[in-house]
Amino acid sequence: MPTRWTVRAIMRAMLPVLLVLTVVEIGSGLVLGSFESTLLRYPTLLALVPVTIGTAGNLGSILAARLSTAFHLGTLSFGPEDDVLAGNAVATVALAVTIFPVVGVGAWALTWLVGGTKLGLLTVVLISLTSGVVLAFIAVLVTFVATYAAYRFELDPDDVVIPIVTNACDVLGVIVLFVVVRIVV
């Protein structure tokens, strides 16, 4: 159910979503600020935070775009037997498993080059991979729920799902990353 392209219709569909997401992003900043001492102690995490949450948001956005296309084509059924849902979820997690170790190596190499690394390479890769895979599962779940909600409320998933997924990955990405850091370090 695409939103009509009038200013009134777009405002009615997007304003509540954007207001809620603004508050969520403020929460993300507050959570990030509460981990300031950990970030200053381990500079590699400073390089890892934006890349981790950005990559998770990108994976969720790719999934959201694919599900939105399937929705518009009428090939998405939201049933447990739906191969489109399952295949895209598996592909998203597989992408996370392949890309997050590279993210960890990149963050470690960057801080090593500037002389600020205090964590070992394998530790950073483990933190990146673990948090990335957890975030991939969260992105899949949030994308499925947001796409279904858009369907139920007769909103265009192209308009609402990607902002919801990227904001959820921002907030939850910070939380997941620091939970993993607390466990690993």
C-alpha atoms as a PDB file:
ATOM      1  CA  MET A   1       0.000   0.000   0.000  1.00  0.00           C
ATOM      2  CA  PRO A   2       2.148   2.905  -1.195  1.00  0.00           C
ATOM      3  CA  THR A   3       1.688   6.246   0.513  1.00  0.00           C
ATOM      4  CA  ARG A   4       0.136   8.845  -1.770  1.00  0.00           C
ATOM      5  CA  TRP A   5       2.669  11.419  -2.883  1.00  0.00           C
ATOM      6  CA  THR A   6       1.153  14.483  -1.256  1.00  0.00           C
ATOM      7  CA  VAL A   7       2.748  16.559   1.456  1.00  0.00           C
ATOM      8  CA  ARG A   8      -0.100  15.756   3.844  1.00  0.00           C
ATOM      9  CA  ALA A   9       0.068  11.988   3.236  1.00  0.00           C
ATOM     10  CA  ILE A  10       3.843  11.872   3.544  1.00  0.00           C
ATOM     11  CA  MET A  11       3.767  13.914   6.777  1.00  0.00           C
ATOM     12  CA  ARG A  12       1.045  11.692   8.221  1.00  0.00           C
ATOM     13  CA  ALA A  13       3.012   8.542   7.428  1.00  0.00           C
ATOM     14  CA  MET A  14       6.526   9.693   8.311  1.00  0.00           C
ATOM     15  CA  LEU A  15       6.311  12.311  11.062  1.00  0.00           C
ATOM     16  CA  PRO A  16       5.416   9.909  13.900  1.00  0.00           C
ATOM     17  CA  VAL A  17       8.130   7.491  12.792  1.00  0.00           C
ATOM     18  CA  LEU A  18      10.756  10.222  12.560  1.00  0.00           C
ATOM     19  CA  LEU A  19       9.831  11.690  15.971  1.00  0.00           C
ATOM     20  CA  VAL A  20      10.139   8.317  17.682  1.00  0.00           C
ATOM     21  CA  LEU A  21      13.412   7.575  15.899  1.00  0.00           C
ATOM     22  CA  THR A  22      14.823  10.951  16.964  1.00  0.00           C
ATOM     23  CA  VAL A  23      14.249  10.048  20.612  1.00  0.00           C
ATOM     24  CA  VAL A  24      15.793   6.618  19.984  1.00  0.00           C
ATOM     25  CA  GLU A  25      18.917   8.194  18.479  1.00  0.00           C
ATOM     26  CA  ILE A  26      19.282  10.477  21.502  1.00  0.00           C
ATOM     27  CA  GLY A  27      19.198   7.317  23.623  1.00  0.00           C
ATOM     28  CA  SER A  28      21.957   5.856  21.474  1.00  0.00           C
ATOM     29  CA  GLY A  29      24.131   8.881  22.113  1.00  0.00           C
ATOM     30  CA  LEU A  30      23.526   8.638  25.844  1.00  0.00           C
ATOM     31  CA  VAL A  31      24.452   4.952  25.857  1.00  0.00           C
ATOM     32  CA  LEU A  32      27.600   5.700  23.871  1.00  0.00           C
ATOM     33  CA  GLY A  33      28.497   8.497  26.279  1.00  0.00           C
ATOM     34  CA  SER A  34      28.207   6.135  29.235  1.00  0.00           C
ATOM     35  CA  PHE A  35      31.013   4.008  27.737  1.00  0.00           C
ATOM     36  CA  GLU A  36      33.394   6.923  27.274  1.00  0.00           C
ATOM     37  CA  SER A  37      36.016   5.583  29.692  1.00  0.00           C
ATOM     38  CA  THR A  38      36.113   2.219  27.909  1.00  0.00           C
ATOM     39  CA  LEU A  39      36.489   3.951  24.542  1.00  0.00           C
ATOM     40  CA  LEU A  40      39.354   6.064  25.826  1.00  0.00           C
ATOM     41  CA  ARG A  41      41.062   3.029  27.374  1.00  0.00           C
ATOM     42  CA  TYR A  42      40.833   0.993  24.124  1.00  0.00           C
ATOM     43  CA  PRO A  43      41.185   3.307  21.110  1.00  0.00           C
ATOM     44  CA  THR A  44      40.523   0.427  18.715  1.00  0.00           C
ATOM     45  CA  LEU A  45      36.923   0.491  19.895  1.00  0.00           C
ATOM     46  CA  LEU A  46      36.683   4.129  18.781  1.00  0.00           C
ATOM     47  CA  ALA A  47      37.405   2.950  15.244  1.00  0.00           C
ATOM     48  CA  LEU A  48      35.152  -0.088  15.626  1.00  0.00           C
ATOM     49  CA  VAL A  49      31.969   1.633  16.878  1.00  0.00           C
ATOM     50  CA  PRO A  50      30.917   3.631  13.797  1.00  0.00           C
ATOM     51  CA  VAL A  51      31.910   0.920  11.342  1.00  0.00           C
ATOM     52  CA  THR A  52      30.100  -1.800  13.278  1.00  0.00           C
ATOM     53  CA  ILE A  53      26.828   0.064  13.643  1.00  0.00           C
ATOM     54  CA  GLY A  54      27.058   1.383  10.081  1.00  0.00           C
ATOM     55  CA  THR A  55      27.695  -2.051   8.605  1.00  0.00           C
ATOM     56  CA  ALA A  56      24.853  -3.591  10.614  1.00  0.00           C
ATOM     57  CA  GLY A  57      22.551  -0.805   9.427  1.00  0.00           C
ATOM     58  CA  ASN A  58      23.663  -1.384   5.847  1.00  0.00           C
ATOM     59  CA  LEU A  59      22.951  -5.112   6.104  1.00  0.00           C
ATOM     60  CA  GLY A  60      19.519  -4.355   7.537  1.00  0.00           C
ATOM     61  CA  SER A  61      18.881  -1.796   4.793  1.00  0.00           C
ATOM     62  CA  ILE A  62      19.776  -4.288   2.087  1.00  0.00           C
ATOM     63  CA  LEU A  63      17.387  -6.804   3.630  1.00  0.00           C
ATOM     64  CA  ALA A  64      14.677  -4.151   3.966  1.00  0.00           C
ATOM     65  CA  ALA A  65      15.033  -3.173   0.307  1.00  0.00           C
ATOM     66  CA  ARG A  66      14.833  -6.802  -0.799  1.00  0.00           C
ATOM     67  CA  LEU A  67      11.754  -7.488   1.338  1.00  0.00           C
ATOM     68  CA  SER A  68      10.117  -4.278   0.170  1.00  0.00           C
ATOM     69  CA  THR A  69      10.651  -5.294  -3.440  1.00  0.00           C
ATOM     70  CA  ALA A  70       9.228  -8.758  -2.743  1.00  0.00           C
ATOM     71  CA  PHE A  71       6.288  -7.111  -0.982  1.00  0.00           C
ATOM     72  CA  HIS A  72       5.552  -4.874  -3.989  1.00  0.00           C
ATOM     73  CA  LEU A  73       5.890  -7.824  -6.363  1.00  0.00           C
ATOM     74  CA  GLY A  74       3.443  -9.833  -4.266  1.00  0.00           C
ATOM     75  CA  THR A  75       5.927 -12.646  -3.570  1.00  0.00           C
ATOM     76  CA  LEU A  76       6.162 -12.029   0.189  1.00  0.00           C
ATOM     77  CA  SER A  77       3.681 -13.930   2.334  1.00  0.00           C
ATOM     78  CA  PHE A  78       5.028 -13.505   5.897  1.00  0.00           C
ATOM     79  CA  GLY A  79       4.436 -17.212   6.491  1.00  0.00           C
ATOM     80  CA  PRO A  80       6.863 -19.688   8.056  1.00  0.00           C
ATOM     81  CA  GLU A  81       7.132 -21.492   4.716  1.00  0.00           C
ATOM     82  CA  ASP A  82       8.113 -18.307   2.849  1.00  0.00           C
ATOM     83  CA  ASP A  83      11.411 -18.985   1.075  1.00  0.00           C
ATOM     84  CA  VAL A  84      11.932 -15.283   0.345  1.00  0.00           C
ATOM     85  CA  LEU A  85      12.067 -14.482   4.065  1.00  0.00           C
ATOM     86  CA  ALA A  86      14.269 -17.430   4.972  1.00  0.00           C
ATOM     87  CA  GLY A  87      16.664 -17.000   2.067  1.00  0.00           C
ATOM     88  CA  ASN A  88      17.159 -13.307   2.692  1.00  0.00           C
ATOM     89  CA  ALA A  89      17.669 -13.862   6.422  1.00  0.00           C
ATOM     90  CA  VAL A  90      20.329 -16.514   5.780  1.00  0.00           C
ATOM     91  CA  ALA A  91      22.033 -14.273   3.217  1.00  0.00           C
ATOM     92  CA  THR A  92      22.121 -11.368   5.684  1.00  0.00           C
ATOM     93  CA  VAL A  93      23.723 -13.479   8.411  1.00  0.00           C
ATOM     94  CA  ALA A  94      26.187 -14.983   5.908  1.00  0.00           C
ATOM     95  CA  LEU A  95      27.205 -11.484   4.813  1.00  0.00           C
ATOM     96  CA  ALA A  96      27.754 -10.556   8.469  1.00  0.00           C
ATOM     97  CA  VAL A  97      29.946 -13.609   9.041  1.00  0.00           C
ATOM     98  CA  THR A  98      32.115 -12.674   6.069  1.00  0.00           C
ATOM     99  CA  ILE A  99      32.325  -8.896   6.488  1.00  0.00           C
ATOM    100  CA  PHE A 100      32.696  -8.343  10.243  1.00  0.00           C
ATOM    101  CA  PRO A 101      36.079 -10.086  10.564  1.00  0.00           C
ATOM    102  CA  VAL A 102      37.327  -7.714   7.854  1.00  0.00           C
ATOM    103  CA  VAL A 103      35.861  -4.803   9.834  1.00  0.00           C
ATOM    104  CA  GLY A 104      37.739  -5.988  12.932  1.00  0.00           C
ATOM    105  CA  VAL A 105      41.037  -6.314  11.060  1.00  0.00           C
ATOM    106  CA  GLY A 106      40.526  -2.864   9.536  1.00  0.00           C
ATOM    107  CA  ALA A 107      39.807  -1.220  12.904  1.00  0.00           C
ATOM    108  CA  TRP A 108      42.820  -2.897  14.491  1.00  0.00           C
ATOM    109  CA  ALA A 109      45.103  -1.968  11.565  1.00  0.00           C
ATOM    110  CA  LEU A 110      43.968   1.640  11.624  1.00  0.00           C
ATOM    111  CA  THR A 111      44.705   2.063  15.322  1.00  0.00           C
ATOM    112  CA  TRP A 112      47.972   0.121  14.979  1.00  0.00           C
ATOM    113  CA  LEU A 113      49.096   2.537  12.258  1.00  0.00           C
ATOM    114  CA  VAL A 114      48.522   5.526  14.515  1.00  0.00           C
ATOM    115  CA  GLY A 115      50.077   3.714  17.490  1.00  0.00           C
ATOM    116  CA  GLY A 116      47.035   3.424  19.713  1.00  0.00           C
ATOM    117  CA  THR A 117      46.137  -0.258  19.776  1.00  0.00           C
ATOM    118  CA  LYS A 118      45.893  -1.856  23.210  1.00  0.00           C
ATOM    119  CA  LEU A 119      43.822  -4.873  22.214  1.00  0.00           C
ATOM    120  CA  GLY A 120      45.198  -7.824  20.283  1.00  0.00           C
ATOM    121  CA  LEU A 121      44.174  -8.484  16.683  1.00  0.00           C
ATOM    122  CA  LEU A 122      42.328 -11.713  17.502  1.00  0.00           C
ATOM    123  CA  THR A 123      40.466 -10.025  20.353  1.00  0.00           C
ATOM    124  CA  VAL A 124      39.298  -7.201  18.082  1.00  0.00           C
ATOM    125  CA  VAL A 125      38.264  -9.653  15.350  1.00  0.00           C
ATOM    126  CA  LEU A 126      36.352 -11.738  17.925  1.00  0.00           C
ATOM    127  CA  ILE A 127      34.582  -8.631  19.258  1.00  0.00           C
ATOM    128  CA  SER A 128      33.738  -7.491  15.732  1.00  0.00           C
ATOM    129  CA  LEU A 129      32.539 -10.893  14.539  1.00  0.00           C
ATOM    130  CA  THR A 130      30.469 -11.658  17.631  1.00  0.00           C
ATOM    131  CA  SER A 131      28.802  -8.267  17.775  1.00  0.00           C
ATOM    132  CA  GLY A 132      28.290  -8.275  13.993  1.00  0.00           C
ATOM    133  CA  VAL A 133      26.558 -11.647  13.942  1.00  0.00           C
ATOM    134  CA  VAL A 134      24.329 -10.702  16.878  1.00  0.00           C
ATOM    135  CA  LEU A 135      23.483  -7.439  15.130  1.00  0.00           C
ATOM    136  CA  ALA A 136      22.714  -9.295  11.905  1.00  0.00           C
ATOM    137  CA  PHE A 137      20.145 -11.412  13.747  1.00  0.00           C
ATOM    138  CA  ILE A 138      18.706  -8.269  15.341  1.00  0.00           C
ATOM    139  CA  ALA A 139      18.597  -6.519  11.943  1.00  0.00           C
ATOM    140  CA  VAL A 140      16.759  -9.499  10.463  1.00  0.00           C
ATOM    141  CA  LEU A 141      14.225  -9.515  13.293  1.00  0.00           C
ATOM    142  CA  VAL A 142      13.668  -5.742  13.219  1.00  0.00           C
ATOM    143  CA  THR A 143      13.357  -5.767   9.432  1.00  0.00           C
ATOM    144  CA  PHE A 144      10.796  -8.567   9.472  1.00  0.00           C
ATOM    145  CA  VAL A 145       8.738  -6.872  12.189  1.00  0.00           C
ATOM    146  CA  ALA A 146       8.934  -3.416  10.580  1.00  0.00           C
ATOM    147  CA  THR A 147       8.025  -4.755   7.141  1.00  0.00           C
ATOM    148  CA  TYR A 148       5.075  -6.670   8.573  1.00  0.00           C
ATOM    149  CA  ALA A 149       3.957  -3.613  10.567  1.00  0.00           C
ATOM    150  CA  ALA A 150       4.140  -1.474   7.424  1.00  0.00           C
ATOM    151  CA  TYR A 151       1.992  -4.059   5.667  1.00  0.00           C
ATOM    152  CA  ARG A 152      -0.555  -4.162   8.513  1.00  0.00           C
ATOM    153  CA  PHE A 153      -0.780  -0.349   8.801  1.00  0.00           C
ATOM    154  CA  GLU A 154      -0.961   0.017   5.014  1.00  0.00           C
ATOM    155  CA  LEU A 155       2.243   2.044   4.809  1.00  0.00           C
ATOM    156  CA  ASP A 156       4.787   1.804   2.038  1.00  0.00           C
ATOM    157  CA  PRO A 157       7.695  -0.246   3.426  1.00  0.00           C
ATOM    158  CA  ASP A 158      10.032   1.762   1.164  1.00  0.00           C
ATOM    159  CA  ASP A 159       9.260   4.809   3.299  1.00  0.00           C
ATOM    160  CA  VAL A 160       9.400   3.463   6.846  1.00  0.00           C
ATOM    161  CA  VAL A 161      11.379   0.235   7.143  1.00  0.00           C
ATOM    162  CA  ILE A 162      14.906   1.437   6.322  1.00  0.00           C
ATOM    163  CA  PRO A 163      14.825   4.362   8.804  1.00  0.00           C
ATOM    164  CA  ILE A 164      13.545   2.019  11.515  1.00  0.00           C
ATOM    165  CA  VAL A 165      16.168  -0.637  10.795  1.00  0.00           C
ATOM    166  CA  THR A 166      19.115   1.749  10.623  1.00  0.00           C
ATOM    167  CA  ASN A 167      18.093   3.515  13.839  1.00  0.00           C
ATOM    168  CA  ALA A 168      17.571   0.212  15.647  1.00  0.00           C
ATOM    169  CA  CYS A 169      21.015  -0.921  14.498  1.00  0.00           C
ATOM    170  CA  ASP A 170      22.520   2.357  15.750  1.00  0.00           C
ATOM    171  CA  VAL A 171      21.081   2.005  19.228  1.00  0.00           C
ATOM    172  CA  LEU A 172      21.335  -1.744  19.597  1.00  0.00           C
ATOM    173  CA  GLY A 173      24.713  -1.759  17.856  1.00  0.00           C
ATOM    174  CA  VAL A 174      26.238   0.351  20.590  1.00  0.00           C
ATOM    175  CA  ILE A 175      24.663  -1.809  23.293  1.00  0.00           C
ATOM    176  CA  VAL A 176      25.612  -5.120  21.668  1.00  0.00           C
ATOM    177  CA  LEU A 177      29.174  -3.993  20.985  1.00  0.00           C
ATOM    178  CA  PHE A 178      29.755  -2.982  24.578  1.00  0.00           C
ATOM    179  CA  VAL A 179      28.124  -6.102  25.994  1.00  0.00           C
ATOM    180  CA  VAL A 180      30.489  -8.145  23.830  1.00  0.00           C
ATOM    181  CA  VAL A 181      33.434  -5.991  24.960  1.00  0.00           C
ATOM    182  CA  ARG A 182      32.474  -6.571  28.606  1.00  0.00           C
ATOM    183  CA  ILE A 183      32.378 -10.333  27.999  1.00  0.00           C
ATOM    184  CA  VAL A 184      35.535 -10.621  25.883  1.00  0.00           C
ATOM    185  CA  VAL A 185      37.875  -8.040  27.435  1.00  0.00           C
END
